[in-house]
Amino acid sequence: MLNAGRETSSPGTELSENQAKKEKERLIKELQLITEERNDLRDRLRFLTKRSMKNRPHFRPNPYYEDLERMEEAVMSILHNLEMENTEIHENSHKLKKEMTFSR
């Protein structure tokens, strides 16, 4: 009578525990796949909304921003030219130093 309310572990209980573990693993894998798909779709949405922002009829570009973009391009071009010139001068000075040490 004392054991009447208790369930003992039987093969049926172990089977249901195994089934529960398998179901849990299956659900975890499914959740991971769904999460990856959601993240992928979110990234695509961000890409598309950024790309289509300029194509919207109500989007009016800021003329000051466009001027700044042009100025940035010009400055970056000048910077690139100066870097190339600096590299060339550095190489020339290195060659001259070699010649000076050789002639001594």
PDB file of N, CA and C in Angstrom:
ATOM      1  N   MET A   1       0.801  -1.197   0.000  1.00  0.00           N
ATOM      2  CA  MET A   1       0.000   0.000   0.000  1.00  0.00           C
ATOM      3  C   MET A   1       0.850   1.269   0.000  1.00  0.00           C
ATOM      4  N   LEU A   2       2.050   1.197   0.600  1.00  0.00           N
ATOM      5  CA  LEU A   2       2.896   2.384   0.618  1.00  0.00           C
ATOM      6  C   LEU A   2       3.398   2.739  -0.768  1.00  0.00           C
ATOM      7  N   ASN A   3       3.647   1.740  -1.597  1.00  0.00           N
ATOM      8  CA  ASN A   3       4.177   1.998  -2.933  1.00  0.00           C
ATOM      9  C   ASN A   3       3.089   2.223  -3.976  1.00  0.00           C
ATOM     10  N   ALA A   4       1.872   2.272  -3.595  1.00  0.00           N
ATOM     11  CA  ALA A   4       0.774   2.376  -4.547  1.00  0.00           C
ATOM     12  C   ALA A   4       0.806   3.705  -5.305  1.00  0.00           C
ATOM     13  N   GLY A   5       1.209   4.805  -4.665  1.00  0.00           N
ATOM     14  CA  GLY A   5       1.224   6.109  -5.316  1.00  0.00           C
ATOM     15  C   GLY A   5       2.502   6.384  -6.075  1.00  0.00           C
ATOM     16  N   ARG A   6       3.558   5.588  -5.857  1.00  0.00           N
ATOM     17  CA  ARG A   6       4.848   5.826  -6.507  1.00  0.00           C
ATOM     18  C   ARG A   6       4.948   5.076  -7.811  1.00  0.00           C
ATOM     19  N   GLU A   7       5.637   5.708  -8.750  1.00  0.00           N
ATOM     20  CA  GLU A   7       5.907   5.018 -10.007  1.00  0.00           C
ATOM     21  C   GLU A   7       7.322   4.482  -9.949  1.00  0.00           C
ATOM     22  N   THR A   8       7.510   3.291 -10.376  1.00  0.00           N
ATOM     23  CA  THR A   8       8.846   2.716 -10.421  1.00  0.00           C
ATOM     24  C   THR A   8       9.384   2.886 -11.818  1.00  0.00           C
ATOM     25  N   SER A   9      10.715   2.873 -11.916  1.00  0.00           N
ATOM     26  CA  SER A   9      11.278   3.023 -13.255  1.00  0.00           C
ATOM     27  C   SER A   9      11.124   1.703 -13.982  1.00  0.00           C
ATOM     28  N   SER A  10      10.449   1.782 -15.067  1.00  0.00           N
ATOM     29  CA  SER A  10      10.203   0.598 -15.869  1.00  0.00           C
ATOM     30  C   SER A  10      10.708   0.878 -17.276  1.00  0.00           C
ATOM     31  N   PRO A  11      10.777  -0.129 -18.127  1.00  0.00           N
ATOM     32  CA  PRO A  11      11.239   0.109 -19.503  1.00  0.00           C
ATOM     33  C   PRO A  11      10.402   1.160 -20.216  1.00  0.00           C
ATOM     34  N   GLY A  12       9.142   1.244 -19.917  1.00  0.00           N
ATOM     35  CA  GLY A  12       8.287   2.259 -20.533  1.00  0.00           C
ATOM     36  C   GLY A  12       8.710   3.654 -20.150  1.00  0.00           C
ATOM     37  N   THR A  13       9.101   3.858 -18.907  1.00  0.00           N
ATOM     38  CA  THR A  13       9.541   5.169 -18.434  1.00  0.00           C
ATOM     39  C   THR A  13      10.879   5.537 -19.062  1.00  0.00           C
ATOM     40  N   GLU A  14      11.795   4.582 -19.133  1.00  0.00           N
ATOM     41  CA  GLU A  14      13.094   4.837 -19.751  1.00  0.00           C
ATOM     42  C   GLU A  14      12.925   5.167 -21.228  1.00  0.00           C
ATOM     43  N   LEU A  15      12.021   4.487 -21.880  1.00  0.00           N
ATOM     44  CA  LEU A  15      11.768   4.747 -23.286  1.00  0.00           C
ATOM     45  C   LEU A  15      11.241   6.164 -23.464  1.00  0.00           C
ATOM     46  N   SER A  16      10.345   6.564 -22.594  1.00  0.00           N
ATOM     47  CA  SER A  16       9.791   7.913 -22.728  1.00  0.00           C
ATOM     48  C   SER A  16      10.855   8.964 -22.390  1.00  0.00           C
ATOM     49  N   GLU A  17      11.773   8.646 -21.468  1.00  0.00           N
ATOM     50  CA  GLU A  17      12.865   9.573 -21.177  1.00  0.00           C
ATOM     51  C   GLU A  17      13.782   9.692 -22.389  1.00  0.00           C
ATOM     52  N   ASN A  18      14.087   8.563 -23.038  1.00  0.00           N
ATOM     53  CA  ASN A  18      14.902   8.600 -24.253  1.00  0.00           C
ATOM     54  C   ASN A  18      14.193   9.380 -25.352  1.00  0.00           C
ATOM     55  N   GLN A  19      12.918   9.160 -25.481  1.00  0.00           N
ATOM     56  CA  GLN A  19      12.151   9.895 -26.489  1.00  0.00           C
ATOM     57  C   GLN A  19      12.156  11.383 -26.171  1.00  0.00           C
ATOM     58  N   ALA A  20      12.045  11.702 -24.879  1.00  0.00           N
ATOM     59  CA  ALA A  20      12.055  13.113 -24.478  1.00  0.00           C
ATOM     60  C   ALA A  20      13.407  13.748 -24.797  1.00  0.00           C
ATOM     61  N   LYS A  21      14.505  13.010 -24.548  1.00  0.00           N
ATOM     62  CA  LYS A  21      15.836  13.541 -24.864  1.00  0.00           C
ATOM     63  C   LYS A  21      15.998  13.749 -26.361  1.00  0.00           C
ATOM     64  N   LYS A  22      15.549  12.777 -27.145  1.00  0.00           N
ATOM     65  CA  LYS A  22      15.651  12.898 -28.599  1.00  0.00           C
ATOM     66  C   LYS A  22      14.810  14.063 -29.108  1.00  0.00           C
ATOM     67  N   GLU A  23      13.633  14.195 -28.560  1.00  0.00           N
ATOM     68  CA  GLU A  23      12.754  15.303 -28.958  1.00  0.00           C
ATOM     69  C   GLU A  23      13.389  16.640 -28.586  1.00  0.00           C
ATOM     70  N   LYS A  24      13.993  16.682 -27.400  1.00  0.00           N
ATOM     71  CA  LYS A  24      14.655  17.909 -26.958  1.00  0.00           C
ATOM     72  C   LYS A  24      15.809  18.255 -27.909  1.00  0.00           C
ATOM     73  N   GLU A  25      16.625  17.266 -28.270  1.00  0.00           N
ATOM     74  CA  GLU A  25      17.734  17.500 -29.193  1.00  0.00           C
ATOM     75  C   GLU A  25      17.219  17.952 -30.559  1.00  0.00           C
ATOM     76  N   ARG A  26      16.153  17.334 -31.022  1.00  0.00           N
ATOM     77  CA  ARG A  26      15.572  17.705 -32.306  1.00  0.00           C
ATOM     78  C   ARG A  26      15.080  19.143 -32.271  1.00  0.00           C
ATOM     79  N   LEU A  27      14.412  19.508 -31.174  1.00  0.00           N
ATOM     80  CA  LEU A  27      13.892  20.874 -31.051  1.00  0.00           C
ATOM     81  C   LEU A  27      15.022  21.895 -30.952  1.00  0.00           C
ATOM     82  N   ILE A  28      16.104  21.527 -30.267  1.00  0.00           N
ATOM     83  CA  ILE A  28      17.244  22.441 -30.167  1.00  0.00           C
ATOM     84  C   ILE A  28      17.850  22.676 -31.540  1.00  0.00           C
ATOM     85  N   LYS A  29      18.032  21.612 -32.316  1.00  0.00           N
ATOM     86  CA  LYS A  29      18.577  21.750 -33.669  1.00  0.00           C
ATOM     87  C   LYS A  29      17.656  22.599 -34.539  1.00  0.00           C
ATOM     88  N   GLU A  30      16.371  22.339 -34.431  1.00  0.00           N
ATOM     89  CA  GLU A  30      15.403  23.103 -35.216  1.00  0.00           C
ATOM     90  C   GLU A  30      15.438  24.578 -34.829  1.00  0.00           C
ATOM     91  N   LEU A  31      15.551  24.847 -33.522  1.00  0.00           N
ATOM     92  CA  LEU A  31      15.630  26.230 -33.051  1.00  0.00           C
ATOM     93  C   LEU A  31      16.892  26.911 -33.577  1.00  0.00           C
ATOM     94  N   GLN A  32      18.011  26.190 -33.600  1.00  0.00           N
ATOM     95  CA  GLN A  32      19.251  26.752 -34.126  1.00  0.00           C
ATOM     96  C   GLN A  32      19.110  27.087 -35.607  1.00  0.00           C
ATOM     97  N   LEU A  33      18.498  26.186 -36.369  1.00  0.00           N
ATOM     98  CA  LEU A  33      18.306  26.449 -37.800  1.00  0.00           C
ATOM     99  C   LEU A  33      17.395  27.648 -38.028  1.00  0.00           C
ATOM    100  N   ILE A  34      16.341  27.730 -37.256  1.00  0.00           N
ATOM    101  CA  ILE A  34      15.402  28.852 -37.391  1.00  0.00           C
ATOM    102  C   ILE A  34      16.098  30.162 -37.020  1.00  0.00           C
ATOM    103  N   THR A  35      16.929  30.127 -35.977  1.00  0.00           N
ATOM    104  CA  THR A  35      17.658  31.325 -35.559  1.00  0.00           C
ATOM    105  C   THR A  35      18.637  31.766 -36.644  1.00  0.00           C
ATOM    106  N   GLU A  36      19.350  30.811 -37.243  1.00  0.00           N
ATOM    107  CA  GLU A  36      20.268  31.147 -38.335  1.00  0.00           C
ATOM    108  C   GLU A  36      19.515  31.749 -39.511  1.00  0.00           C
ATOM    109  N   GLU A  37      18.377  31.162 -39.841  1.00  0.00           N
ATOM    110  CA  GLU A  37      17.586  31.684 -40.953  1.00  0.00           C
ATOM    111  C   GLU A  37      17.087  33.090 -40.653  1.00  0.00           C
ATOM    112  N   ARG A  38      16.642  33.318 -39.417  1.00  0.00           N
ATOM    113  CA  ARG A  38      16.170  34.644 -39.024  1.00  0.00           C
ATOM    114  C   ARG A  38      17.289  35.668 -39.143  1.00  0.00           C
ATOM    115  N   ASN A  39      18.483  35.317 -38.651  1.00  0.00           N
ATOM    116  CA  ASN A  39      19.615  36.239 -38.731  1.00  0.00           C
ATOM    117  C   ASN A  39      19.987  36.532 -40.179  1.00  0.00           C
ATOM    118  N   ASP A  40      19.953  35.505 -41.017  1.00  0.00           N
ATOM    119  CA  ASP A  40      20.251  35.691 -42.431  1.00  0.00           C
ATOM    120  C   ASP A  40      19.231  36.623 -43.080  1.00  0.00           C
ATOM    121  N   LEU A  41      17.966  36.407 -42.795  1.00  0.00           N
ATOM    122  CA  LEU A  41      16.920  37.262 -43.361  1.00  0.00           C
ATOM    123  C   LEU A  41      17.029  38.688 -42.837  1.00  0.00           C
ATOM    124  N   ARG A  42      17.401  38.845 -41.579  1.00  0.00           N
ATOM    125  CA  ARG A  42      17.568  40.174 -41.005  1.00  0.00           C
ATOM    126  C   ARG A  42      18.709  40.908 -41.708  1.00  0.00           C
ATOM    127  N   ASP A  43      19.815  40.186 -41.964  1.00  0.00           N
ATOM    128  CA  ASP A  43      20.941  40.797 -42.673  1.00  0.00           C
ATOM    129  C   ASP A  43      20.552  41.188 -44.096  1.00  0.00           C
ATOM    130  N   ARG A  44      19.797  40.335 -44.764  1.00  0.00           N
ATOM    131  CA  ARG A  44      19.345  40.663 -46.119  1.00  0.00           C
ATOM    132  C   ARG A  44      18.455  41.895 -46.110  1.00  0.00           C
ATOM    133  N   LEU A  45      17.566  41.967 -45.127  1.00  0.00           N
ATOM    134  CA  LEU A  45      16.666  43.113 -45.029  1.00  0.00           C
ATOM    135  C   LEU A  45      17.457  44.398 -44.813  1.00  0.00           C
ATOM    136  N   ARG A  46      18.450  44.358 -43.939  1.00  0.00           N
ATOM    137  CA  ARG A  46      19.282  45.546 -43.716  1.00  0.00           C
ATOM    138  C   ARG A  46      19.974  45.968 -45.003  1.00  0.00           C
ATOM    139  N   PHE A  47      20.522  44.980 -45.721  1.00  0.00           N
ATOM    140  CA  PHE A  47      21.219  45.286 -46.971  1.00  0.00           C
ATOM    141  C   PHE A  47      20.267  45.932 -47.972  1.00  0.00           C
ATOM    142  N   LEU A  48      19.079  45.351 -48.118  1.00  0.00           N
ATOM    143  CA  LEU A  48      18.128  45.867 -49.100  1.00  0.00           C
ATOM    144  C   LEU A  48      17.609  47.244 -48.719  1.00  0.00           C
ATOM    145  N   THR A  49      17.366  47.475 -47.439  1.00  0.00           N
ATOM    146  CA  THR A  49      16.847  48.790 -47.053  1.00  0.00           C
ATOM    147  C   THR A  49      17.917  49.855 -47.201  1.00  0.00           C
ATOM    148  N   LYS A  50      19.177  49.520 -46.940  1.00  0.00           N
ATOM    149  CA  LYS A  50      20.245  50.508 -47.141  1.00  0.00           C
ATOM    150  C   LYS A  50      20.418  50.815 -48.623  1.00  0.00           C
ATOM    151  N   ARG A  51      20.363  49.758 -49.436  1.00  0.00           N
ATOM    152  CA  ARG A  51      20.559  49.938 -50.881  1.00  0.00           C
ATOM    153  C   ARG A  51      19.405  50.712 -51.501  1.00  0.00           C
ATOM    154  N   SER A  52      18.196  50.449 -51.062  1.00  0.00           N
ATOM    155  CA  SER A  52      17.040  51.084 -51.682  1.00  0.00           C
ATOM    156  C   SER A  52      16.733  52.457 -51.105  1.00  0.00           C
ATOM    157  N   MET A  53      17.485  52.878 -50.094  1.00  0.00           N
ATOM    158  CA  MET A  53      17.230  54.177 -49.462  1.00  0.00           C
ATOM    159  C   MET A  53      17.355  55.307 -50.485  1.00  0.00           C
ATOM    160  N   LYS A  54      18.348  55.216 -51.369  1.00  0.00           N
ATOM    161  CA  LYS A  54      18.555  56.289 -52.341  1.00  0.00           C
ATOM    162  C   LYS A  54      17.520  56.251 -53.457  1.00  0.00           C
ATOM    163  N   ASN A  55      16.851  55.131 -53.651  1.00  0.00           N
ATOM    164  CA  ASN A  55      15.871  55.007 -54.725  1.00  0.00           C
ATOM    165  C   ASN A  55      14.458  55.403 -54.302  1.00  0.00           C
ATOM    166  N   ARG A  56      14.295  55.753 -53.054  1.00  0.00           N
ATOM    167  CA  ARG A  56      12.958  56.112 -52.580  1.00  0.00           C
ATOM    168  C   ARG A  56      12.591  57.505 -53.084  1.00  0.00           C
ATOM    169  N   PRO A  57      11.331  57.717 -53.450  1.00  0.00           N
ATOM    170  CA  PRO A  57      10.941  59.022 -54.001  1.00  0.00           C
ATOM    171  C   PRO A  57      11.033  60.149 -52.986  1.00  0.00           C
ATOM    172  N   HIS A  58      10.811  59.859 -51.731  1.00  0.00           N
ATOM    173  CA  HIS A  58      10.847  60.929 -50.729  1.00  0.00           C
ATOM    174  C   HIS A  58      12.252  61.210 -50.221  1.00  0.00           C
ATOM    175  N   PHE A  59      13.229  60.439 -50.668  1.00  0.00           N
ATOM    176  CA  PHE A  59      14.605  60.631 -50.226  1.00  0.00           C
ATOM    177  C   PHE A  59      15.240  61.772 -51.017  1.00  0.00           C
ATOM    178  N   ARG A  60      15.627  62.800 -50.327  1.00  0.00           N
ATOM    179  CA  ARG A  60      16.302  63.921 -50.964  1.00  0.00           C
ATOM    180  C   ARG A  60      17.705  64.019 -50.367  1.00  0.00           C
ATOM    181  N   PRO A  61      18.702  63.838 -51.192  1.00  0.00           N
ATOM    182  CA  PRO A  61      20.061  63.884 -50.659  1.00  0.00           C
ATOM    183  C   PRO A  61      20.419  65.269 -50.153  1.00  0.00           C
ATOM    184  N   ASN A  62      21.204  65.287 -49.127  1.00  0.00           N
ATOM    185  CA  ASN A  62      21.660  66.535 -48.547  1.00  0.00           C
ATOM    186  C   ASN A  62      22.800  67.081 -49.409  1.00  0.00           C
ATOM    187  N   PRO A  63      22.655  68.284 -49.970  1.00  0.00           N
ATOM    188  CA  PRO A  63      23.710  68.807 -50.852  1.00  0.00           C
ATOM    189  C   PRO A  63      25.031  69.016 -50.103  1.00  0.00           C
ATOM    190  N   TYR A  64      24.961  69.356 -48.824  1.00  0.00           N
ATOM    191  CA  TYR A  64      26.186  69.533 -48.049  1.00  0.00           C
ATOM    192  C   TYR A  64      26.911  68.201 -47.882  1.00  0.00           C
ATOM    193  N   TYR A  65      26.142  67.158 -47.705  1.00  0.00           N
ATOM    194  CA  TYR A  65      26.735  65.825 -47.569  1.00  0.00           C
ATOM    195  C   TYR A  65      27.429  65.414 -48.870  1.00  0.00           C
ATOM    196  N   GLU A  66      26.773  65.706 -49.993  1.00  0.00           N
ATOM    197  CA  GLU A  66      27.384  65.381 -51.287  1.00  0.00           C
ATOM    198  C   GLU A  66      28.670  66.181 -51.496  1.00  0.00           C
ATOM    199  N   ASP A  67      28.658  67.450 -51.078  1.00  0.00           N
ATOM    200  CA  ASP A  67      29.874  68.267 -51.171  1.00  0.00           C
ATOM    201  C   ASP A  67      30.984  67.675 -50.302  1.00  0.00           C
ATOM    202  N   LEU A  68      30.609  67.245 -49.115  1.00  0.00           N
ATOM    203  CA  LEU A  68      31.596  66.632 -48.228  1.00  0.00           C
ATOM    204  C   LEU A  68      32.157  65.348 -48.828  1.00  0.00           C
ATOM    205  N   GLU A  69      31.296  64.559 -49.475  1.00  0.00           N
ATOM    206  CA  GLU A  69      31.772  63.334 -50.125  1.00  0.00           C
ATOM    207  C   GLU A  69      32.783  63.659 -51.223  1.00  0.00           C
ATOM    208  N   ARG A  70      32.486  64.685 -52.023  1.00  0.00           N
ATOM    209  CA  ARG A  70      33.417  65.083 -53.081  1.00  0.00           C
ATOM    210  C   ARG A  70      34.731  65.590 -52.493  1.00  0.00           C
ATOM    211  N   MET A  71      34.629  66.368 -51.430  1.00  0.00           N
ATOM    212  CA  MET A  71      35.838  66.876 -50.783  1.00  0.00           C
ATOM    213  C   MET A  71      36.654  65.724 -50.195  1.00  0.00           C
ATOM    214  N   GLU A  72      35.972  64.754 -49.621  1.00  0.00           N
ATOM    215  CA  GLU A  72      36.674  63.602 -49.068  1.00  0.00           C
ATOM    216  C   GLU A  72      37.412  62.841 -50.172  1.00  0.00           C
ATOM    217  N   GLU A  73      36.762  62.657 -51.311  1.00  0.00           N
ATOM    218  CA  GLU A  73      37.419  61.980 -52.432  1.00  0.00           C
ATOM    219  C   GLU A  73      38.667  62.742 -52.874  1.00  0.00           C
ATOM    220  N   ALA A  74      38.563  64.074 -52.952  1.00  0.00           N
ATOM    221  CA  ALA A  74      39.709  64.883 -53.364  1.00  0.00           C
ATOM    222  C   ALA A  74      40.839  64.770 -52.347  1.00  0.00           C
ATOM    223  N   VAL A  75      40.511  64.852 -51.070  1.00  0.00           N
ATOM    224  CA  VAL A  75      41.523  64.772 -50.018  1.00  0.00           C
ATOM    225  C   VAL A  75      42.170  63.393 -50.011  1.00  0.00           C
ATOM    226  N   MET A  76      41.373  62.351 -50.187  1.00  0.00           N
ATOM    227  CA  MET A  76      41.924  60.996 -50.208  1.00  0.00           C
ATOM    228  C   MET A  76      42.844  60.807 -51.417  1.00  0.00           C
ATOM    229  N   SER A  77      42.497  61.426 -52.538  1.00  0.00           N
ATOM    230  CA  SER A  77      43.350  61.355 -53.720  1.00  0.00           C
ATOM    231  C   SER A  77      44.678  62.061 -53.461  1.00  0.00           C
ATOM    232  N   ILE A  78      44.617  63.248 -52.870  1.00  0.00           N
ATOM    233  CA  ILE A  78      45.843  63.983 -52.534  1.00  0.00           C
ATOM    234  C   ILE A  78      46.679  63.179 -51.542  1.00  0.00           C
ATOM    235  N   LEU A  79      46.036  62.597 -50.550  1.00  0.00           N
ATOM    236  CA  LEU A  79      46.743  61.781 -49.563  1.00  0.00           C
ATOM    237  C   LEU A  79      47.451  60.604 -50.227  1.00  0.00           C
ATOM    238  N   HIS A  80      46.750  59.957 -51.139  1.00  0.00           N
ATOM    239  CA  HIS A  80      47.357  58.829 -51.852  1.00  0.00           C
ATOM    240  C   HIS A  80      48.584  59.286 -52.642  1.00  0.00           C
ATOM    241  N   ASN A  81      48.448  60.410 -53.344  1.00  0.00           N
ATOM    242  CA  ASN A  81      49.573  60.940 -54.114  1.00  0.00           C
ATOM    243  C   ASN A  81      50.756  61.278 -53.208  1.00  0.00           C
ATOM    244  N   LEU A  82      50.475  61.880 -52.050  1.00  0.00           N
ATOM    245  CA  LEU A  82      51.548  62.218 -51.119  1.00  0.00           C
ATOM    246  C   LEU A  82      52.214  60.963 -50.564  1.00  0.00           C
ATOM    247  N   GLU A  83      51.433  59.938 -50.287  1.00  0.00           N
ATOM    248  CA  GLU A  83      52.011  58.686 -49.795  1.00  0.00           C
ATOM    249  C   GLU A  83      52.920  58.059 -50.850  1.00  0.00           C
ATOM    250  N   MET A  84      52.472  58.083 -52.107  1.00  0.00           N
ATOM    251  CA  MET A  84      53.298  57.537 -53.188  1.00  0.00           C
ATOM    252  C   MET A  84      54.590  58.344 -53.339  1.00  0.00           C
ATOM    253  N   GLU A  85      54.477  59.666 -53.266  1.00  0.00           N
ATOM    254  CA  GLU A  85      55.640  60.535 -53.368  1.00  0.00           C
ATOM    255  C   GLU A  85      56.592  60.294 -52.199  1.00  0.00           C
ATOM    256  N   ASN A  86      56.047  60.140 -51.015  1.00  0.00           N
ATOM    257  CA  ASN A  86      56.850  59.872 -49.824  1.00  0.00           C
ATOM    258  C   ASN A  86      57.603  58.556 -49.970  1.00  0.00           C
ATOM    259  N   THR A  87      56.920  57.530 -50.486  1.00  0.00           N
ATOM    260  CA  THR A  87      57.563  56.233 -50.696  1.00  0.00           C
ATOM    261  C   THR A  87      58.701  56.357 -51.693  1.00  0.00           C
ATOM    262  N   GLU A  88      58.472  57.099 -52.769  1.00  0.00           N
ATOM    263  CA  GLU A  88      59.502  57.292 -53.790  1.00  0.00           C
ATOM    264  C   GLU A  88      60.708  58.037 -53.215  1.00  0.00           C
ATOM    265  N   ILE A  89      60.452  59.083 -52.449  1.00  0.00           N
ATOM    266  CA  ILE A  89      61.540  59.861 -51.836  1.00  0.00           C
ATOM    267  C   ILE A  89      62.306  58.994 -50.849  1.00  0.00           C
ATOM    268  N   HIS A  90      61.598  58.198 -50.089  1.00  0.00           N
ATOM    269  CA  HIS A  90      62.252  57.310 -49.123  1.00  0.00           C
ATOM    270  C   HIS A  90      63.164  56.312 -49.836  1.00  0.00           C
ATOM    271  N   GLU A  91      62.681  55.749 -50.935  1.00  0.00           N
ATOM    272  CA  GLU A  91      63.494  54.809 -51.703  1.00  0.00           C
ATOM    273  C   GLU A  91      64.733  55.500 -52.278  1.00  0.00           C
ATOM    274  N   ASN A  92      64.538  56.704 -52.797  1.00  0.00           N
ATOM    275  CA  ASN A  92      65.679  57.456 -53.350  1.00  0.00           C
ATOM    276  C   ASN A  92      66.699  57.768 -52.268  1.00  0.00           C
ATOM    277  N   SER A  93      66.249  58.189 -51.109  1.00  0.00           N
ATOM    278  CA  SER A  93      67.189  58.506 -50.029  1.00  0.00           C
ATOM    279  C   SER A  93      67.920  57.248 -49.571  1.00  0.00           C
ATOM    280  N   HIS A  94      67.236  56.136 -49.583  1.00  0.00           N
ATOM    281  CA  HIS A  94      67.879  54.875 -49.216  1.00  0.00           C
ATOM    282  C   HIS A  94      68.971  54.514 -50.232  1.00  0.00           C
ATOM    283  N   LYS A  95      68.686  54.717 -51.516  1.00  0.00           N
ATOM    284  CA  LYS A  95      69.685  54.454 -52.558  1.00  0.00           C
ATOM    285  C   LYS A  95      70.887  55.383 -52.401  1.00  0.00           C
ATOM    286  N   LEU A  96      70.622  56.669 -52.107  1.00  0.00           N
ATOM    287  CA  LEU A  96      71.706  57.626 -51.921  1.00  0.00           C
ATOM    288  C   LEU A  96      72.570  57.258 -50.727  1.00  0.00           C
ATOM    289  N   LYS A  97      71.961  56.793 -49.650  1.00  0.00           N
ATOM    290  CA  LYS A  97      72.718  56.380 -48.471  1.00  0.00           C
ATOM    291  C   LYS A  97      73.614  55.202 -48.820  1.00  0.00           C
ATOM    292  N   LYS A  98      73.095  54.272 -49.619  1.00  0.00           N
ATOM    293  CA  LYS A  98      73.894  53.119 -50.039  1.00  0.00           C
ATOM    294  C   LYS A  98      75.102  53.590 -50.853  1.00  0.00           C
ATOM    295  N   GLU A  99      74.868  54.515 -51.779  1.00  0.00           N
ATOM    296  CA  GLU A  99      75.944  55.044 -52.622  1.00  0.00           C
ATOM    297  C   GLU A  99      76.995  55.758 -51.784  1.00  0.00           C
ATOM    298  N   MET A 100      76.526  56.515 -50.771  1.00  0.00           N
ATOM    299  CA  MET A 100      77.462  57.246 -49.911  1.00  0.00           C
ATOM    300  C   MET A 100      78.324  56.277 -49.116  1.00  0.00           C
ATOM    301  N   THR A 101      77.723  55.253 -48.564  1.00  0.00           N
ATOM    302  CA  THR A 101      78.505  54.299 -47.789  1.00  0.00           C
ATOM    303  C   THR A 101      79.427  53.492 -48.697  1.00  0.00           C
ATOM    304  N   PHE A 102      79.002  53.215 -49.908  1.00  0.00           N
ATOM    305  CA  PHE A 102      79.853  52.476 -50.869  1.00  0.00           C
ATOM    306  C   PHE A 102      81.051  53.313 -51.283  1.00  0.00           C
ATOM    307  N   SER A 103      80.847  54.635 -51.491  1.00  0.00           N
ATOM    308  CA  SER A 103      81.930  55.494 -51.957  1.00  0.00           C
ATOM    309  C   SER A 103      82.931  55.790 -50.857  1.00  0.00           C
ATOM    310  N   ARG A 104      82.584  55.621 -49.620  1.00  0.00           N
ATOM    311  CA  ARG A 104      83.521  55.859 -48.517  1.00  0.00           C
ATOM    312  C   ARG A 104      84.486  54.739 -48.504  1.00  0.00           C
TER     313      ARG A 104
END
